Amino acid sequence: MGFQLTILGSSGALPAYGRFPSSQYLNIQRQHFLIDCGEGIQTQLKRYSLPTHKIERIFISHLHGDHYLGLMGLLFSMHLQRRTNELHIYSQPGLDEIITLQLKYSRSSLSYPLVFHPIMHDRPACIYEDTVLTVHTIPLKHKVPCTGFLFREKVKPRKIDKEMLSDNMLLEHLAQLKQGKDVYDEAGKLLYANADYTLPPRPSYSFAYCSDTVFDESIVEQIKGVDLLYHEATFMNEHADKATVTLHSTAMQAATIAKEASVNHLLVGHFSARYQQLEPLLEEATSVFPHTVLAIEGKTIDLELL
């Protein structure tokens, strides 16, 4: 099962000091998602032994190059590796045109179906849901339409108390108990009370990804109480004026959002190339929100272990 996030890229607009542009790999109960896809993504996936062929859905926050320019190479490599499964891409409108144009002029067609899902940036919306989780957009304020993404696990099935099992139980009885139901016979007589035969479900986790954005407290309510928040921290507070002009955030501002939203842990990234050393940004963030870590390439965060 599990809920693991691996950092593939933590740099801002430019690759710098071994840091790659934005990208993260998310594995939720064996479902594999890619969030943003900066240059060098294939190198990073191989470096950290992440299974490219298992990626089912790609979420692109906005159409600035440092968040999607690695996508075309990845799509072609999947084709060369004879992928046949559908690949779903969620992005602001226009990415489908960009990809289609490149395929047209290279006279190429992919070996697998590519399904585009245009998303809107002006209000939160559920853009994906299955039996395991939901994914909602988080409207962000940047120079171009931009959204973050909120991944939230649904309540998990209750666990069967093995010490209470009996030989008379059928598989359908166990299935009903795991769903939190009581089990009755055909005459309506109670056979097994759920509370007597099950244990509470394993915890469900949540992760909010807030890419490029100016300091914006309007997102606080939507991300309230998430287990892990990724929030851009392009600048230190001494450059807050530059953050305002470029519609980015400082490490202190990211920490302020985390504190106001009462999240459990904060992950900061999208660091400006002006900073070779990142410890000062971490110190600035932890002065406001102590449970902060840096988004460093290769770092894997297991939410079950936080």
C-alpha atoms as a PDB file:
ATOM      1  CA  MET A   1       0.000   0.000   0.000  1.00  0.00           C
ATOM      2  CA  GLY A   2       1.640   3.235   1.131  1.00  0.00           C
ATOM      3  CA  PHE A   3       1.746   6.920   0.238  1.00  0.00           C
ATOM      4  CA  GLN A   4       5.225   7.945  -0.938  1.00  0.00           C
ATOM      5  CA  LEU A   5       6.427  11.139  -2.589  1.00  0.00           C
ATOM      6  CA  THR A   6       9.823  11.337  -4.341  1.00  0.00           C
ATOM      7  CA  ILE A   7      11.375  14.663  -5.310  1.00  0.00           C
ATOM      8  CA  LEU A   8      12.772  14.689  -8.858  1.00  0.00           C
ATOM      9  CA  GLY A   9      13.337  18.416  -9.268  1.00  0.00           C
ATOM     10  CA  SER A  10      13.479  21.319  -6.825  1.00  0.00           C
ATOM     11  CA  SER A  11      14.883  24.212  -8.832  1.00  0.00           C
ATOM     12  CA  GLY A  12      13.072  27.308 -10.031  1.00  0.00           C
ATOM     13  CA  ALA A  13      13.222  28.580 -13.602  1.00  0.00           C
ATOM     14  CA  LEU A  14      16.819  27.450 -14.172  1.00  0.00           C
ATOM     15  CA  PRO A  15      18.644  24.216 -13.341  1.00  0.00           C
ATOM     16  CA  ALA A  16      21.298  25.107 -10.767  1.00  0.00           C
ATOM     17  CA  TYR A  17      23.851  23.432  -8.479  1.00  0.00           C
ATOM     18  CA  GLY A  18      22.648  19.935  -9.361  1.00  0.00           C
ATOM     19  CA  ARG A  19      19.014  20.917  -8.857  1.00  0.00           C
ATOM     20  CA  PHE A  20      16.553  20.057 -11.630  1.00  0.00           C
ATOM     21  CA  PRO A  21      13.338  21.907 -12.604  1.00  0.00           C
ATOM     22  CA  SER A  22      10.093  21.006 -10.877  1.00  0.00           C
ATOM     23  CA  SER A  23       8.866  17.417 -10.827  1.00  0.00           C
ATOM     24  CA  GLN A  24       7.609  14.968  -8.213  1.00  0.00           C
ATOM     25  CA  TYR A  25       6.654  11.291  -8.326  1.00  0.00           C
ATOM     26  CA  LEU A  26       3.725  10.200  -6.175  1.00  0.00           C
ATOM     27  CA  ASN A  27       2.816   6.590  -5.360  1.00  0.00           C
ATOM     28  CA  ILE A  28      -0.519   6.134  -3.592  1.00  0.00           C
ATOM     29  CA  GLN A  29      -1.521   2.544  -2.939  1.00  0.00           C
ATOM     30  CA  ARG A  30       0.369   1.400  -6.051  1.00  0.00           C
ATOM     31  CA  GLN A  31      -1.099   4.095  -8.247  1.00  0.00           C
ATOM     32  CA  HIS A  32       1.693   6.109  -9.843  1.00  0.00           C
ATOM     33  CA  PHE A  33       1.383   9.828 -10.620  1.00  0.00           C
ATOM     34  CA  LEU A  34       3.802  12.423 -11.991  1.00  0.00           C
ATOM     35  CA  ILE A  35       3.357  16.022 -10.872  1.00  0.00           C
ATOM     36  CA  ASP A  36       4.961  18.563 -13.206  1.00  0.00           C
ATOM     37  CA  CYS A  37       7.602  17.459 -15.675  1.00  0.00           C
ATOM     38  CA  GLY A  38      10.618  19.724 -15.984  1.00  0.00           C
ATOM     39  CA  GLU A  39      13.693  19.140 -18.120  1.00  0.00           C
ATOM     40  CA  GLY A  40      15.799  16.116 -17.218  1.00  0.00           C
ATOM     41  CA  ILE A  41      12.863  14.119 -15.913  1.00  0.00           C
ATOM     42  CA  GLN A  42      13.971  10.908 -17.630  1.00  0.00           C
ATOM     43  CA  THR A  43      17.427  11.139 -16.099  1.00  0.00           C
ATOM     44  CA  GLN A  44      15.895  11.585 -12.669  1.00  0.00           C
ATOM     45  CA  LEU A  45      13.429   8.720 -13.038  1.00  0.00           C
ATOM     46  CA  LYS A  46      16.289   6.383 -13.942  1.00  0.00           C
ATOM     47  CA  ARG A  47      18.590   7.762 -11.245  1.00  0.00           C
ATOM     48  CA  TYR A  48      16.080   6.969  -8.525  1.00  0.00           C
ATOM     49  CA  SER A  49      14.866   3.675 -10.057  1.00  0.00           C
ATOM     50  CA  LEU A  50      11.276   4.829 -10.450  1.00  0.00           C
ATOM     51  CA  PRO A  51       9.099   2.785 -12.843  1.00  0.00           C
ATOM     52  CA  THR A  52       8.245   5.050 -15.770  1.00  0.00           C
ATOM     53  CA  HIS A  53       5.930   2.479 -17.323  1.00  0.00           C
ATOM     54  CA  LYS A  54       3.703   2.532 -14.230  1.00  0.00           C
ATOM     55  CA  ILE A  55       2.883   6.231 -14.508  1.00  0.00           C
ATOM     56  CA  GLU A  56      -0.859   6.425 -15.149  1.00  0.00           C
ATOM     57  CA  ARG A  57      -1.591  10.137 -14.833  1.00  0.00           C
ATOM     58  CA  ILE A  58       0.483  13.292 -15.222  1.00  0.00           C
ATOM     59  CA  PHE A  59      -0.558  16.573 -13.614  1.00  0.00           C
ATOM     60  CA  ILE A  60       0.933  19.808 -14.996  1.00  0.00           C
ATOM     61  CA  SER A  61       0.380  22.882 -12.829  1.00  0.00           C
ATOM     62  CA  HIS A  62       0.922  25.516 -15.540  1.00  0.00           C
ATOM     63  CA  LEU A  63       2.544  26.122 -18.899  1.00  0.00           C
ATOM     64  CA  HIS A  64       5.822  27.741 -17.923  1.00  0.00           C
ATOM     65  CA  GLY A  65       8.610  25.713 -19.471  1.00  0.00           C
ATOM     66  CA  ASP A  66      10.294  24.652 -16.251  1.00  0.00           C
ATOM     67  CA  HIS A  67       7.149  22.702 -15.390  1.00  0.00           C
ATOM     68  CA  TYR A  68       6.503  20.814 -18.631  1.00  0.00           C
ATOM     69  CA  LEU A  69       9.464  20.895 -21.056  1.00  0.00           C
ATOM     70  CA  GLY A  70      10.528  17.377 -20.046  1.00  0.00           C
ATOM     71  CA  LEU A  71       7.184  15.955 -21.091  1.00  0.00           C
ATOM     72  CA  MET A  72       7.721  15.448 -24.821  1.00  0.00           C
ATOM     73  CA  GLY A  73      10.867  13.381 -24.361  1.00  0.00           C
ATOM     74  CA  LEU A  74       9.141  11.248 -21.747  1.00  0.00           C
ATOM     75  CA  LEU A  75       6.182  10.606 -24.052  1.00  0.00           C
ATOM     76  CA  PHE A  76       8.469   9.521 -26.903  1.00  0.00           C
ATOM     77  CA  SER A  77      10.447   7.215 -24.624  1.00  0.00           C
ATOM     78  CA  MET A  78       7.232   5.559 -23.467  1.00  0.00           C
ATOM     79  CA  HIS A  79       6.422   5.025 -27.140  1.00  0.00           C
ATOM     80  CA  LEU A  80       9.843   3.512 -27.866  1.00  0.00           C
ATOM     81  CA  GLN A  81       9.358   1.191 -24.909  1.00  0.00           C
ATOM     82  CA  ARG A  82       6.126  -0.016 -26.567  1.00  0.00           C
ATOM     83  CA  ARG A  83       3.697   1.315 -24.021  1.00  0.00           C
ATOM     84  CA  THR A  84       0.094   0.409 -24.848  1.00  0.00           C
ATOM     85  CA  ASN A  85      -1.802   1.600 -21.743  1.00  0.00           C
ATOM     86  CA  GLU A  86      -3.619   4.915 -21.803  1.00  0.00           C
ATOM     87  CA  LEU A  87      -1.782   7.908 -20.363  1.00  0.00           C
ATOM     88  CA  HIS A  88      -3.887  10.715 -18.910  1.00  0.00           C
ATOM     89  CA  ILE A  89      -2.559  14.283 -18.797  1.00  0.00           C
ATOM     90  CA  TYR A  90      -4.231  17.011 -16.729  1.00  0.00           C
ATOM     91  CA  SER A  91      -3.197  20.580 -17.504  1.00  0.00           C
ATOM     92  CA  GLN A  92      -4.262  24.081 -18.349  1.00  0.00           C
ATOM     93  CA  PRO A  93      -5.765  24.314 -21.862  1.00  0.00           C
ATOM     94  CA  GLY A  94      -3.162  24.443 -24.618  1.00  0.00           C
ATOM     95  CA  LEU A  95      -0.831  21.612 -23.697  1.00  0.00           C
ATOM     96  CA  ASP A  96      -2.705  19.303 -26.061  1.00  0.00           C
ATOM     97  CA  GLU A  97      -1.948  21.711 -28.915  1.00  0.00           C
ATOM     98  CA  ILE A  98       1.738  21.884 -27.980  1.00  0.00           C
ATOM     99  CA  ILE A  99       2.100  18.099 -27.989  1.00  0.00           C
ATOM    100  CA  THR A 100      -0.037  17.543 -31.089  1.00  0.00           C
ATOM    101  CA  LEU A 101       2.041  20.077 -33.034  1.00  0.00           C
ATOM    102  CA  GLN A 102       5.295  18.332 -32.144  1.00  0.00           C
ATOM    103  CA  LEU A 103       3.869  14.973 -33.153  1.00  0.00           C
ATOM    104  CA  LYS A 104       2.618  16.471 -36.428  1.00  0.00           C
ATOM    105  CA  TYR A 105       5.946  17.928 -37.550  1.00  0.00           C
ATOM    106  CA  SER A 106       7.958  14.897 -36.465  1.00  0.00           C
ATOM    107  CA  ARG A 107       5.468  12.733 -38.390  1.00  0.00           C
ATOM    108  CA  SER A 108       5.025  10.621 -35.304  1.00  0.00           C
ATOM    109  CA  SER A 109       2.164   8.766 -33.688  1.00  0.00           C
ATOM    110  CA  LEU A 110       2.359   7.242 -30.238  1.00  0.00           C
ATOM    111  CA  SER A 111       1.855   3.542 -29.562  1.00  0.00           C
ATOM    112  CA  TYR A 112      -0.596   4.321 -26.771  1.00  0.00           C
ATOM    113  CA  PRO A 113      -3.672   6.537 -26.330  1.00  0.00           C
ATOM    114  CA  LEU A 114      -2.962   9.973 -24.895  1.00  0.00           C
ATOM    115  CA  VAL A 115      -5.970  11.429 -23.081  1.00  0.00           C
ATOM    116  CA  PHE A 116      -5.980  15.160 -22.313  1.00  0.00           C
ATOM    117  CA  HIS A 117      -8.008  16.632 -19.457  1.00  0.00           C
ATOM    118  CA  PRO A 118      -8.121  20.468 -19.565  1.00  0.00           C
ATOM    119  CA  ILE A 119      -8.482  22.032 -16.130  1.00  0.00           C
ATOM    120  CA  MET A 120      -9.712  25.444 -15.069  1.00  0.00           C
ATOM    121  CA  HIS A 121      -7.735  27.697 -12.741  1.00  0.00           C
ATOM    122  CA  ASP A 122     -10.400  29.996 -11.308  1.00  0.00           C
ATOM    123  CA  ARG A 123     -12.065  27.653  -8.791  1.00  0.00           C
ATOM    124  CA  PRO A 124     -11.379  24.336  -7.033  1.00  0.00           C
ATOM    125  CA  ALA A 125     -12.661  21.278  -8.874  1.00  0.00           C
ATOM    126  CA  CYS A 126     -12.447  17.509  -8.568  1.00  0.00           C
ATOM    127  CA  ILE A 127     -10.537  16.375 -11.650  1.00  0.00           C
ATOM    128  CA  TYR A 128     -10.053  12.717 -10.759  1.00  0.00           C
ATOM    129  CA  GLU A 129     -11.710  10.198  -8.463  1.00  0.00           C
ATOM    130  CA  ASP A 130     -11.635   6.447  -8.014  1.00  0.00           C
ATOM    131  CA  THR A 131     -12.248   4.022  -5.160  1.00  0.00           C
ATOM    132  CA  VAL A 132      -8.955   4.993  -3.500  1.00  0.00           C
ATOM    133  CA  LEU A 133      -8.568   8.762  -3.734  1.00  0.00           C
ATOM    134  CA  THR A 134      -9.701  12.111  -5.080  1.00  0.00           C
ATOM    135  CA  VAL A 135      -7.657  14.831  -6.785  1.00  0.00           C
ATOM    136  CA  HIS A 136      -8.830  18.442  -6.602  1.00  0.00           C
ATOM    137  CA  THR A 137      -7.317  21.552  -8.154  1.00  0.00           C
ATOM    138  CA  ILE A 138      -6.099  24.401  -5.947  1.00  0.00           C
ATOM    139  CA  PRO A 139      -6.387  27.805  -7.679  1.00  0.00           C
ATOM    140  CA  LEU A 140      -3.069  29.668  -7.478  1.00  0.00           C
ATOM    141  CA  LYS A 141      -2.055  33.224  -8.410  1.00  0.00           C
ATOM    142  CA  HIS A 142       0.780  33.373 -10.913  1.00  0.00           C
ATOM    143  CA  LYS A 143       1.658  35.086 -14.194  1.00  0.00           C
ATOM    144  CA  VAL A 144      -0.221  32.475 -16.211  1.00  0.00           C
ATOM    145  CA  PRO A 145      -3.180  30.249 -15.277  1.00  0.00           C
ATOM    146  CA  CYS A 146      -1.896  27.895 -12.594  1.00  0.00           C
ATOM    147  CA  THR A 147      -3.287  25.320 -10.201  1.00  0.00           C
ATOM    148  CA  GLY A 148      -1.981  23.188  -7.421  1.00  0.00           C
ATOM    149  CA  PHE A 149      -3.287  19.695  -6.732  1.00  0.00           C
ATOM    150  CA  LEU A 150      -4.768  18.163  -3.600  1.00  0.00           C
ATOM    151  CA  PHE A 151      -4.484  14.376  -3.329  1.00  0.00           C
ATOM    152  CA  ARG A 152      -6.656  12.889  -0.619  1.00  0.00           C
ATOM    153  CA  GLU A 153      -7.132   9.216   0.212  1.00  0.00           C
ATOM    154  CA  LYS A 154     -10.655   8.036   0.898  1.00  0.00           C
ATOM    155  CA  VAL A 155     -11.510   6.216   4.122  1.00  0.00           C
ATOM    156  CA  LYS A 156      -9.914   2.794   3.925  1.00  0.00           C
ATOM    157  CA  PRO A 157     -11.730  -0.496   4.563  1.00  0.00           C
ATOM    158  CA  ARG A 158     -11.986  -1.653   8.149  1.00  0.00           C
ATOM    159  CA  LYS A 159      -9.635  -4.457   9.132  1.00  0.00           C
ATOM    160  CA  ILE A 160     -10.928  -7.888  10.040  1.00  0.00           C
ATOM    161  CA  ASP A 161     -10.048  -8.930  13.593  1.00  0.00           C
ATOM    162  CA  LYS A 162      -8.527 -12.326  12.792  1.00  0.00           C
ATOM    163  CA  GLU A 163      -8.956 -13.514  16.340  1.00  0.00           C
ATOM    164  CA  MET A 164     -12.732 -13.261  15.898  1.00  0.00           C
ATOM    165  CA  LEU A 165     -12.983 -15.250  12.653  1.00  0.00           C
ATOM    166  CA  SER A 166     -15.206 -18.335  12.629  1.00  0.00           C
ATOM    167  CA  ASP A 167     -15.485 -21.277  10.235  1.00  0.00           C
ATOM    168  CA  ASN A 168     -19.049 -20.287   9.349  1.00  0.00           C
ATOM    169  CA  MET A 169     -18.028 -16.966   7.801  1.00  0.00           C
ATOM    170  CA  LEU A 170     -18.308 -16.672   4.024  1.00  0.00           C
ATOM    171  CA  LEU A 171     -16.162 -14.421   1.823  1.00  0.00           C
ATOM    172  CA  GLU A 172     -19.176 -12.200   1.208  1.00  0.00           C
ATOM    173  CA  HIS A 173     -19.539 -11.797   4.982  1.00  0.00           C
ATOM    174  CA  LEU A 174     -15.932 -10.649   5.263  1.00  0.00           C
ATOM    175  CA  ALA A 175     -16.407  -8.207   2.391  1.00  0.00           C
ATOM    176  CA  GLN A 176     -19.418  -6.642   4.096  1.00  0.00           C
ATOM    177  CA  LEU A 177     -17.588  -6.372   7.399  1.00  0.00           C
ATOM    178  CA  LYS A 178     -14.605  -4.644   5.738  1.00  0.00           C
ATOM    179  CA  GLN A 179     -17.032  -2.124   4.262  1.00  0.00           C
ATOM    180  CA  GLY A 180     -18.204  -1.275   7.763  1.00  0.00           C
ATOM    181  CA  LYS A 181     -21.535  -3.098   7.459  1.00  0.00           C
ATOM    182  CA  ASP A 182     -23.291  -5.491   9.815  1.00  0.00           C
ATOM    183  CA  VAL A 183     -24.072  -8.917   8.344  1.00  0.00           C
ATOM    184  CA  TYR A 184     -27.631 -10.296   8.342  1.00  0.00           C
ATOM    185  CA  ASP A 185     -29.106 -13.585   7.124  1.00  0.00           C
ATOM    186  CA  GLU A 186     -31.933 -13.813   4.594  1.00  0.00           C
ATOM    187  CA  ALA A 187     -34.545 -13.542   7.362  1.00  0.00           C
ATOM    188  CA  GLY A 188     -32.997 -10.293   8.599  1.00  0.00           C
ATOM    189  CA  LYS A 189     -31.410 -11.781  11.683  1.00  0.00           C
ATOM    190  CA  LEU A 190     -28.104 -10.235  12.730  1.00  0.00           C
ATOM    191  CA  LEU A 191     -25.247 -12.681  12.206  1.00  0.00           C
ATOM    192  CA  TYR A 192     -22.192 -10.544  12.789  1.00  0.00           C
ATOM    193  CA  ALA A 193     -22.091  -7.038  14.254  1.00  0.00           C
ATOM    194  CA  ASN A 194     -19.363  -5.034  12.555  1.00  0.00           C
ATOM    195  CA  ALA A 195     -18.026  -3.587  15.792  1.00  0.00           C
ATOM    196  CA  ASP A 196     -17.427  -7.098  17.145  1.00  0.00           C
ATOM    197  CA  TYR A 197     -15.444  -8.444  14.214  1.00  0.00           C
ATOM    198  CA  THR A 198     -13.419  -5.546  12.833  1.00  0.00           C
ATOM    199  CA  LEU A 199     -10.697  -3.107  13.802  1.00  0.00           C
ATOM    200  CA  PRO A 200     -10.507   0.576  12.771  1.00  0.00           C
ATOM    201  CA  PRO A 201      -9.190   1.227   9.240  1.00  0.00           C
ATOM    202  CA  ARG A 202      -5.629   2.351   8.608  1.00  0.00           C
ATOM    203  CA  PRO A 203      -5.251   6.142   8.488  1.00  0.00           C
ATOM    204  CA  SER A 204      -5.930   7.982   5.239  1.00  0.00           C
ATOM    205  CA  TYR A 205      -3.436  10.636   4.114  1.00  0.00           C
ATOM    206  CA  SER A 206      -3.464  13.849   2.117  1.00  0.00           C
ATOM    207  CA  PHE A 207      -0.905  15.814   0.105  1.00  0.00           C
ATOM    208  CA  ALA A 208      -1.247  19.337  -1.299  1.00  0.00           C
ATOM    209  CA  TYR A 209       1.048  20.476  -4.102  1.00  0.00           C
ATOM    210  CA  CYS A 210       1.193  24.260  -4.469  1.00  0.00           C
ATOM    211  CA  SER A 211       3.546  25.186  -7.270  1.00  0.00           C
ATOM    212  CA  ASP A 212       4.276  28.726  -8.488  1.00  0.00           C
ATOM    213  CA  THR A 213       2.192  31.274  -6.603  1.00  0.00           C
ATOM    214  CA  VAL A 214       2.399  34.616  -4.889  1.00  0.00           C
ATOM    215  CA  PHE A 215       1.647  34.582  -1.162  1.00  0.00           C
ATOM    216  CA  ASP A 216      -2.081  33.892  -1.121  1.00  0.00           C
ATOM    217  CA  GLU A 217      -3.992  33.139   2.062  1.00  0.00           C
ATOM    218  CA  SER A 218      -7.132  32.251   0.109  1.00  0.00           C
ATOM    219  CA  ILE A 219      -5.805  28.685  -0.324  1.00  0.00           C
ATOM    220  CA  VAL A 220      -5.603  28.106   3.446  1.00  0.00           C
ATOM    221  CA  GLU A 221      -9.139  26.838   3.889  1.00  0.00           C
ATOM    222  CA  GLN A 222      -8.843  24.247   1.116  1.00  0.00           C
ATOM    223  CA  ILE A 223      -5.572  22.754   2.375  1.00  0.00           C
ATOM    224  CA  LYS A 224      -6.471  22.916   6.070  1.00  0.00           C
ATOM    225  CA  GLY A 225      -4.984  20.040   8.053  1.00  0.00           C
ATOM    226  CA  VAL A 226      -3.297  18.156   5.200  1.00  0.00           C
ATOM    227  CA  ASP A 227      -0.584  15.716   6.209  1.00  0.00           C
ATOM    228  CA  LEU A 228       1.996  17.157   3.817  1.00  0.00           C
ATOM    229  CA  LEU A 229       2.037  20.514   2.034  1.00  0.00           C
ATOM    230  CA  TYR A 230       4.481  21.274  -0.749  1.00  0.00           C
ATOM    231  CA  HIS A 231       4.676  25.035  -1.233  1.00  0.00           C
ATOM    232  CA  GLU A 232       7.070  26.922  -3.441  1.00  0.00           C
ATOM    233  CA  ALA A 233       9.707  29.016  -1.665  1.00  0.00           C
ATOM    234  CA  THR A 234      11.576  30.645  -4.529  1.00  0.00           C
ATOM    235  CA  PHE A 235      13.127  33.455  -2.473  1.00  0.00           C
ATOM    236  CA  MET A 236      14.194  34.373   1.020  1.00  0.00           C
ATOM    237  CA  ASN A 237      12.293  37.125   2.795  1.00  0.00           C
ATOM    238  CA  GLU A 238      15.003  39.682   2.070  1.00  0.00           C
ATOM    239  CA  HIS A 239      13.873  39.394  -1.557  1.00  0.00           C
ATOM    240  CA  ALA A 240      10.155  39.610  -0.779  1.00  0.00           C
ATOM    241  CA  ASP A 241       9.806  42.542  -3.186  1.00  0.00           C
ATOM    242  CA  LYS A 242      11.081  40.381  -6.034  1.00  0.00           C
ATOM    243  CA  ALA A 243       8.721  37.584  -4.998  1.00  0.00           C
ATOM    244  CA  THR A 244       5.805  40.003  -5.218  1.00  0.00           C
ATOM    245  CA  VAL A 245       6.813  41.269  -8.656  1.00  0.00           C
ATOM    246  CA  THR A 246       7.354  37.796 -10.100  1.00  0.00           C
ATOM    247  CA  LEU A 247       4.305  36.323  -8.325  1.00  0.00           C
ATOM    248  CA  HIS A 248       6.347  33.870  -6.285  1.00  0.00           C
ATOM    249  CA  SER A 249       6.671  33.241  -2.540  1.00  0.00           C
ATOM    250  CA  THR A 250       9.387  33.411   0.085  1.00  0.00           C
ATOM    251  CA  ALA A 251      10.309  30.638   2.486  1.00  0.00           C
ATOM    252  CA  MET A 252       8.773  32.634   5.334  1.00  0.00           C
ATOM    253  CA  GLN A 253       5.538  33.106   3.393  1.00  0.00           C
ATOM    254  CA  ALA A 254       5.334  29.384   2.594  1.00  0.00           C
ATOM    255  CA  ALA A 255       5.773  28.633   6.288  1.00  0.00           C
ATOM    256  CA  THR A 256       3.081  31.170   7.167  1.00  0.00           C
ATOM    257  CA  ILE A 257       0.618  29.384   4.877  1.00  0.00           C
ATOM    258  CA  ALA A 258       1.533  26.058   6.517  1.00  0.00           C
ATOM    259  CA  LYS A 259       1.023  27.510   9.987  1.00  0.00           C
ATOM    260  CA  GLU A 260      -2.317  29.139   9.148  1.00  0.00           C
ATOM    261  CA  ALA A 261      -3.542  25.915   7.510  1.00  0.00           C
ATOM    262  CA  SER A 262      -2.424  23.804  10.490  1.00  0.00           C
ATOM    263  CA  VAL A 263      -0.781  21.257   8.195  1.00  0.00           C
ATOM    264  CA  ASN A 264       1.287  18.473   9.713  1.00  0.00           C
ATOM    265  CA  HIS A 265       4.453  18.939   7.638  1.00  0.00           C
ATOM    266  CA  LEU A 266       5.748  21.456   5.101  1.00  0.00           C
ATOM    267  CA  LEU A 267       7.994  20.727   2.125  1.00  0.00           C
ATOM    268  CA  VAL A 268       9.547  23.767   0.392  1.00  0.00           C
ATOM    269  CA  GLY A 269      11.065  23.900  -3.071  1.00  0.00           C
ATOM    270  CA  HIS A 270      11.305  25.729  -6.429  1.00  0.00           C
ATOM    271  CA  PHE A 271      14.461  27.464  -5.222  1.00  0.00           C
ATOM    272  CA  SER A 272      15.917  30.406  -7.129  1.00  0.00           C
ATOM    273  CA  ALA A 273      19.285  29.872  -8.816  1.00  0.00           C
ATOM    274  CA  ARG A 274      20.617  32.799  -6.784  1.00  0.00           C
ATOM    275  CA  TYR A 275      20.890  30.453  -3.769  1.00  0.00           C
ATOM    276  CA  GLN A 276      23.667  27.889  -3.859  1.00  0.00           C
ATOM    277  CA  GLN A 277      23.155  26.925  -0.229  1.00  0.00           C
ATOM    278  CA  LEU A 278      19.609  26.108   0.872  1.00  0.00           C
ATOM    279  CA  GLU A 279      20.056  25.942   4.636  1.00  0.00           C
ATOM    280  CA  PRO A 280      19.235  29.665   5.073  1.00  0.00           C
ATOM    281  CA  LEU A 281      15.870  29.115   3.379  1.00  0.00           C
ATOM    282  CA  LEU A 282      15.190  26.184   5.677  1.00  0.00           C
ATOM    283  CA  GLU A 283      16.129  28.243   8.741  1.00  0.00           C
ATOM    284  CA  GLU A 284      13.818  31.020   7.629  1.00  0.00           C
ATOM    285  CA  ALA A 285      10.895  28.620   7.154  1.00  0.00           C
ATOM    286  CA  THR A 286      11.430  26.713  10.406  1.00  0.00           C
ATOM    287  CA  SER A 287      11.467  29.969  12.363  1.00  0.00           C
ATOM    288  CA  VAL A 288       7.744  30.164  11.530  1.00  0.00           C
ATOM    289  CA  PHE A 289       6.827  26.506  11.045  1.00  0.00           C
ATOM    290  CA  PRO A 290       9.245  24.031  12.664  1.00  0.00           C
ATOM    291  CA  HIS A 291       8.029  20.914  10.807  1.00  0.00           C
ATOM    292  CA  THR A 292       9.618  21.997   7.518  1.00  0.00           C
ATOM    293  CA  VAL A 293      11.972  20.086   5.227  1.00  0.00           C
ATOM    294  CA  LEU A 294      13.679  20.937   1.951  1.00  0.00           C
ATOM    295  CA  ALA A 295      12.554  19.352  -1.301  1.00  0.00           C
ATOM    296  CA  ILE A 296      15.899  17.853  -2.320  1.00  0.00           C
ATOM    297  CA  GLU A 297      16.360  15.652  -5.371  1.00  0.00           C
ATOM    298  CA  GLY A 298      16.079  11.980  -4.439  1.00  0.00           C
ATOM    299  CA  LYS A 299      14.313  12.596  -1.120  1.00  0.00           C
ATOM    300  CA  THR A 300      11.419  10.178  -0.614  1.00  0.00           C
ATOM    301  CA  ILE A 301       8.798  11.003   1.984  1.00  0.00           C
ATOM    302  CA  ASP A 302       6.605   8.187   3.253  1.00  0.00           C
ATOM    303  CA  LEU A 303       3.539   9.791   4.783  1.00  0.00           C
ATOM    304  CA  GLU A 304       2.872   6.681   6.860  1.00  0.00           C
ATOM    305  CA  LEU A 305       6.197   7.280   8.623  1.00  0.00           C
ATOM    306  CA  LEU A 306       5.901  11.013   9.261  1.00  0.00           C
END
